[in-house]
Amino acid sequence: MGATFCDADDCYREYNAMKSKGVKFFGEPKQVPWGIEVVFEDLYGNRLDLLQHNGF
């Protein structure tokens, strides 16, 4: 099964905005080879990736 990604221009800004509204995250944004990524949970318990892609 594939992952679902939500593209972000600024992962840290979106993370902070979403977290302040009560969104559940699994860790903090981290640098990965393809950009900056953090996993969060939607209203139905699905895990999604918030990703700021670096063009790799």
N, C-alpha and C. Protein backbone atom coordinates (compact mmCIF):
# COMPACT_ATOMS: atom_id res chain seq x y z
N MET A 1 0.85 -1.17 0.00
CA MET A 1 0.00 0.00 0.00
C MET A 1 0.89 1.23 0.00
N GLY A 2 0.55 2.23 -0.79
CA GLY A 2 1.34 3.45 -0.89
C GLY A 2 0.98 4.45 0.19
N ALA A 3 1.84 5.42 0.32
CA ALA A 3 1.62 6.49 1.30
C ALA A 3 0.92 7.66 0.63
N THR A 4 0.19 8.43 1.42
CA THR A 4 -0.45 9.64 0.94
C THR A 4 0.33 10.84 1.46
N PHE A 5 0.68 11.73 0.56
CA PHE A 5 1.49 12.90 0.90
C PHE A 5 0.67 14.17 0.74
N CYS A 6 0.93 15.11 1.62
CA CYS A 6 0.40 16.47 1.51
C CYS A 6 1.59 17.38 1.27
N ASP A 7 1.63 18.01 0.13
CA ASP A 7 2.73 18.91 -0.22
C ASP A 7 2.67 20.20 0.60
N ALA A 8 3.84 20.68 1.01
CA ALA A 8 3.92 21.93 1.76
C ALA A 8 5.08 22.76 1.23
N ASP A 9 4.86 24.06 1.11
CA ASP A 9 5.95 24.97 0.74
C ASP A 9 6.89 25.18 1.92
N ASP A 10 6.32 25.14 3.14
CA ASP A 10 7.10 25.33 4.37
C ASP A 10 6.57 24.34 5.40
N CYS A 11 7.23 23.21 5.51
CA CYS A 11 6.78 22.12 6.38
C CYS A 11 6.70 22.57 7.84
N TYR A 12 7.68 23.34 8.29
CA TYR A 12 7.69 23.78 9.69
C TYR A 12 6.50 24.70 9.99
N ARG A 13 6.20 25.61 9.08
CA ARG A 13 5.06 26.53 9.27
C ARG A 13 3.75 25.75 9.33
N GLU A 14 3.56 24.83 8.38
CA GLU A 14 2.33 24.03 8.35
C GLU A 14 2.21 23.13 9.57
N TYR A 15 3.32 22.55 9.98
CA TYR A 15 3.36 21.71 11.18
C TYR A 15 2.89 22.52 12.39
N ASN A 16 3.46 23.70 12.58
CA ASN A 16 3.09 24.53 13.73
C ASN A 16 1.63 24.96 13.68
N ALA A 17 1.15 25.34 12.51
CA ALA A 17 -0.25 25.76 12.36
C ALA A 17 -1.21 24.60 12.64
N MET A 18 -0.90 23.44 12.09
CA MET A 18 -1.76 22.27 12.28
C MET A 18 -1.72 21.79 13.73
N LYS A 19 -0.54 21.78 14.32
CA LYS A 19 -0.40 21.33 15.70
C LYS A 19 -1.16 22.24 16.65
N SER A 20 -1.15 23.55 16.38
CA SER A 20 -1.86 24.49 17.24
C SER A 20 -3.37 24.29 17.18
N LYS A 21 -3.84 23.60 16.12
CA LYS A 21 -5.28 23.32 15.97
C LYS A 21 -5.63 21.92 16.46
N GLY A 22 -4.65 21.23 17.07
CA GLY A 22 -4.94 19.93 17.67
C GLY A 22 -4.66 18.71 16.82
N VAL A 23 -4.03 18.89 15.67
CA VAL A 23 -3.71 17.74 14.83
C VAL A 23 -2.65 16.90 15.54
N LYS A 24 -2.84 15.58 15.53
CA LYS A 24 -1.91 14.65 16.17
C LYS A 24 -0.77 14.32 15.22
N PHE A 25 0.46 14.56 15.66
CA PHE A 25 1.65 14.26 14.88
C PHE A 25 2.44 13.14 15.54
N PHE A 26 3.18 12.41 14.74
CA PHE A 26 4.04 11.34 15.21
C PHE A 26 5.49 11.81 15.06
N GLY A 27 5.93 12.64 15.98
CA GLY A 27 7.26 13.22 15.92
C GLY A 27 7.21 14.64 15.39
N GLU A 28 8.39 15.16 15.11
CA GLU A 28 8.54 16.51 14.59
C GLU A 28 9.09 16.43 13.18
N PRO A 29 8.97 17.52 12.39
CA PRO A 29 9.53 17.51 11.05
C PRO A 29 11.02 17.16 11.10
N LYS A 30 11.43 16.33 10.15
CA LYS A 30 12.85 15.96 10.10
C LYS A 30 13.35 15.98 8.67
N GLN A 31 14.63 16.23 8.55
CA GLN A 31 15.30 16.24 7.24
C GLN A 31 15.48 14.80 6.77
N VAL A 32 15.03 14.52 5.57
CA VAL A 32 15.20 13.22 4.92
C VAL A 32 15.80 13.48 3.54
N PRO A 33 16.31 12.47 2.85
CA PRO A 33 16.96 12.71 1.56
C PRO A 33 16.09 13.45 0.53
N TRP A 34 14.77 13.31 0.61
CA TRP A 34 13.88 13.92 -0.39
C TRP A 34 13.26 15.23 0.09
N GLY A 35 13.60 15.70 1.31
CA GLY A 35 13.09 16.97 1.79
C GLY A 35 12.92 17.00 3.30
N ILE A 36 11.83 17.61 3.75
CA ILE A 36 11.48 17.67 5.17
C ILE A 36 10.12 17.01 5.31
N GLU A 37 10.00 16.11 6.29
CA GLU A 37 8.81 15.28 6.38
C GLU A 37 8.39 15.08 7.84
N VAL A 38 7.07 14.97 8.04
CA VAL A 38 6.51 14.59 9.34
C VAL A 38 5.20 13.86 9.08
N VAL A 39 4.89 12.89 9.92
CA VAL A 39 3.67 12.09 9.77
C VAL A 39 2.61 12.61 10.75
N PHE A 40 1.37 12.71 10.26
CA PHE A 40 0.26 13.14 11.11
C PHE A 40 -0.94 12.24 10.88
N GLU A 41 -1.94 12.38 11.75
CA GLU A 41 -3.13 11.55 11.68
C GLU A 41 -4.33 12.41 11.31
N ASP A 42 -5.14 11.94 10.36
CA ASP A 42 -6.35 12.69 9.98
C ASP A 42 -7.50 12.34 10.93
N LEU A 43 -8.67 12.91 10.68
CA LEU A 43 -9.83 12.71 11.55
C LEU A 43 -10.29 11.26 11.65
N TYR A 44 -9.89 10.43 10.67
CA TYR A 44 -10.34 9.04 10.61
C TYR A 44 -9.27 8.06 11.05
N GLY A 45 -8.15 8.57 11.55
CA GLY A 45 -7.08 7.71 12.02
C GLY A 45 -6.08 7.30 10.97
N ASN A 46 -6.21 7.84 9.75
CA ASN A 46 -5.25 7.54 8.70
C ASN A 46 -3.97 8.35 8.93
N ARG A 47 -2.85 7.73 8.65
CA ARG A 47 -1.57 8.44 8.77
C ARG A 47 -1.18 9.00 7.40
N LEU A 48 -0.81 10.28 7.41
CA LEU A 48 -0.44 10.99 6.19
C LEU A 48 0.90 11.65 6.39
N ASP A 49 1.62 11.87 5.30
CA ASP A 49 2.91 12.55 5.35
C ASP A 49 2.76 13.99 4.90
N LEU A 50 3.22 14.91 5.71
CA LEU A 50 3.34 16.32 5.33
C LEU A 50 4.77 16.46 4.81
N LEU A 51 4.92 16.86 3.56
CA LEU A 51 6.22 16.83 2.91
C LEU A 51 6.55 18.14 2.21
N GLN A 52 7.71 18.65 2.52
CA GLN A 52 8.30 19.77 1.77
C GLN A 52 9.38 19.14 0.91
N HIS A 53 9.08 18.94 -0.35
CA HIS A 53 9.97 18.24 -1.28
C HIS A 53 11.13 19.13 -1.68
N ASN A 54 12.32 18.56 -1.77
CA ASN A 54 13.52 19.34 -2.13
C ASN A 54 13.89 19.21 -3.61
N GLY A 55 13.05 18.55 -4.39
CA GLY A 55 13.33 18.41 -5.83
C GLY A 55 14.24 17.25 -6.17
N PHE A 56 14.55 16.41 -5.19
CA PHE A 56 15.45 15.26 -5.39
C PHE A 56 14.85 14.27 -6.33
